[in-house]
Structures are given as C-alpha cells and as structure tokens.
Protein backbone atom coordinates (compact mmCIF):
# COMPACT_ATOMS: atom_id res chain seq x y z
CA MET A 1 -65.25 90.42 85.81
CA MET A 2 -63.65 88.05 83.30
CA THR A 3 -61.12 85.17 83.59
CA LEU A 4 -57.59 85.64 82.55
CA ALA A 5 -58.13 82.82 79.95
CA ALA A 6 -60.99 84.68 78.40
CA ILE A 7 -59.09 87.95 78.24
CA ALA A 8 -56.02 86.29 76.80
CA GLU A 9 -58.13 84.67 74.07
CA LYS A 10 -59.95 87.92 73.09
CA LEU A 11 -56.80 90.01 73.06
CA GLY A 12 -54.56 87.39 71.39
CA LEU A 13 -52.17 87.27 74.31
CA LYS A 14 -49.40 84.59 74.49
CA VAL A 15 -49.17 82.67 77.72
CA LEU A 16 -45.40 82.82 78.53
CA SER A 17 -45.55 81.24 81.96
CA GLY A 18 -47.79 80.50 84.92
CA GLN A 19 -50.36 78.60 82.81
CA SER A 20 -51.95 77.09 85.92
CA GLY A 21 -53.21 80.51 86.96
CA MET A 22 -55.26 81.18 83.81
CA ASN A 23 -58.55 80.81 85.72
CA ARG A 24 -57.96 83.88 87.98
CA GLN A 25 -60.58 86.58 87.82
CA VAL A 26 -59.53 90.01 86.58
CA THR A 27 -60.90 93.13 88.23
CA GLY A 28 -58.95 95.75 86.37
CA GLY A 29 -55.52 96.80 85.18
CA TYR A 30 -52.58 98.95 85.97
CA VAL A 31 -49.81 100.24 83.61
CA SER A 32 -46.39 101.25 84.93
CA ASP A 33 -42.74 100.34 84.64
CA LEU A 34 -41.89 101.68 88.06
CA LEU A 35 -42.07 98.88 90.67
CA SER A 36 -42.72 101.34 93.59
CA ASP A 37 -45.64 102.91 91.65
CA VAL A 38 -47.24 99.44 91.17
CA MET A 39 -46.72 98.61 94.82
CA GLY A 40 -48.46 101.76 95.85
CA HIS A 41 -51.37 101.75 93.40
CA ALA A 42 -52.18 98.38 91.70
CA GLN A 43 -55.03 96.46 93.28
CA ALA A 44 -55.52 92.75 93.92
CA GLY A 45 -56.97 91.15 90.74
CA HIS A 46 -55.44 93.68 88.42
CA ILE A 47 -53.43 92.83 85.32
CA TRP A 48 -50.16 94.71 85.38
CA ILE A 49 -48.95 95.93 81.93
CA THR A 50 -45.16 96.53 81.79
CA LEU A 51 -41.99 96.08 79.88
CA GLN A 52 -40.09 94.93 83.01
CA THR A 53 -38.99 91.31 82.73
CA HIS A 54 -36.90 90.57 85.86
CA LYS A 55 -37.94 88.51 88.80
CA ASN A 56 -38.78 91.53 91.00
CA VAL A 57 -41.87 91.87 88.82
CA MET A 58 -43.13 88.50 90.23
CA ALA A 59 -42.34 89.60 93.78
CA ILE A 60 -44.63 92.66 93.33
CA ALA A 61 -47.27 90.66 91.56
CA SER A 62 -47.33 88.15 94.35
CA LEU A 63 -47.32 90.89 97.12
CA LYS A 64 -50.26 92.72 95.50
CA ASP A 65 -52.10 89.47 94.54
CA LEU A 66 -52.21 90.60 90.95
CA ALA A 67 -54.04 88.42 88.35
CA ALA A 68 -51.28 88.53 85.77
CA VAL A 69 -48.53 90.45 84.14
CA ILE A 70 -48.57 91.45 80.47
CA LEU A 71 -45.18 92.06 78.85
CA VAL A 72 -45.49 94.52 75.94
CA THR A 73 -43.61 95.08 72.69
CA GLY A 74 -42.47 91.45 72.42
CA HIS A 75 -40.42 91.46 75.66
CA GLN A 76 -39.70 88.05 77.07
CA PRO A 77 -39.51 87.22 80.83
CA ASP A 78 -36.17 86.35 82.36
CA GLU A 79 -35.64 82.66 83.27
CA ASP A 80 -36.00 83.28 86.99
CA THR A 81 -39.21 85.26 86.29
CA VAL A 82 -40.67 82.24 84.46
CA LEU A 83 -39.71 79.87 87.36
CA GLN A 84 -41.38 82.21 89.95
CA SER A 85 -44.39 82.78 87.73
CA ASN A 86 -44.98 78.98 87.59
CA GLU A 87 -44.41 78.57 91.30
CA GLU A 88 -46.72 81.39 92.27
CA GLU A 89 -49.26 80.55 89.59
CA ILE A 90 -49.38 84.18 88.36
CA PRO A 91 -49.27 84.16 84.59
CA VAL A 92 -46.96 86.23 82.52
CA LEU A 93 -48.59 87.00 79.16
CA GLY A 94 -47.02 88.53 76.09
CA THR A 95 -48.01 90.92 73.24
CA ASP A 96 -46.16 92.62 70.48
CA LEU A 97 -48.39 95.76 71.03
CA PRO A 98 -47.11 98.80 72.91
CA ALA A 99 -48.48 99.43 76.40
CA PHE A 100 -50.80 102.19 75.16
CA GLU A 101 -52.55 99.96 72.68
CA ILE A 102 -52.95 96.80 74.93
CA SER A 103 -54.16 99.09 77.80
CA GLY A 104 -56.89 100.46 75.55
CA LYS A 105 -57.95 97.07 74.45
CA LEU A 106 -58.08 95.72 78.02
CA TYR A 107 -59.95 98.76 79.19
CA GLU A 108 -62.60 98.31 76.47
CA LEU A 109 -62.94 94.61 77.27
CA LEU A 110 -63.32 95.07 81.02
CA LYS A 111 -65.63 98.12 81.01
CA THR A 112 -68.58 96.12 79.39
C-alpha cells in the first residue's frame, strides 16, 4: 500500500481539493464513469478514476470509503464537489492524461 500523497507525487497528479485527506492509504483503483457501477464494484481504499465532476461523485466516494477521485483529461470538479471533497476529506486529484493511461500508471505503481 502507498499513501495518496506518494502516488500523487509519483504520477504528477494535481490536488484539486480535499488536501487534508492526502495521507489516506490506497489499496487499489477502479475506473468507471457510471455511478451505479462504482457503487457496486469499487472497494474501500480504492482510487476512482473518472471524468464525472458533479457532487454525486463525492456522495459515492464517501459511501464506499474511497481514498480519492482522479479526474482525467483535464476535467475540473464542480464547485459543490470541491466543497464536499474538502468537508469529507476525500481528495479530488487531476490529470491531463486519459483514463487508460493514468489507470496503467496507477496499476504499475501499486502492483510492486
């Protein structure tokens, strides 16, 4: 396992909100843009990789006790998403990479 802070540094992720949660431990990742899919399959401690930016993302992240959310291809979180991220201490991170590329990099980092 690695901390979110270490992963963000190694992958060059931008912290967009929820900075106080950067010491969370990461156990894996899940990639999906369908909220019901994430609710059914993501596990506590996972990083969720998505392009969804609305506040329902934070509701799912909190419900599933996810470590963080990574927004891909330069997407930015909605204002209410930022507020909830800060309140829940679940970081929203950003990358300009597409989901496929950041998923591969995260997988390689966590499998060691």
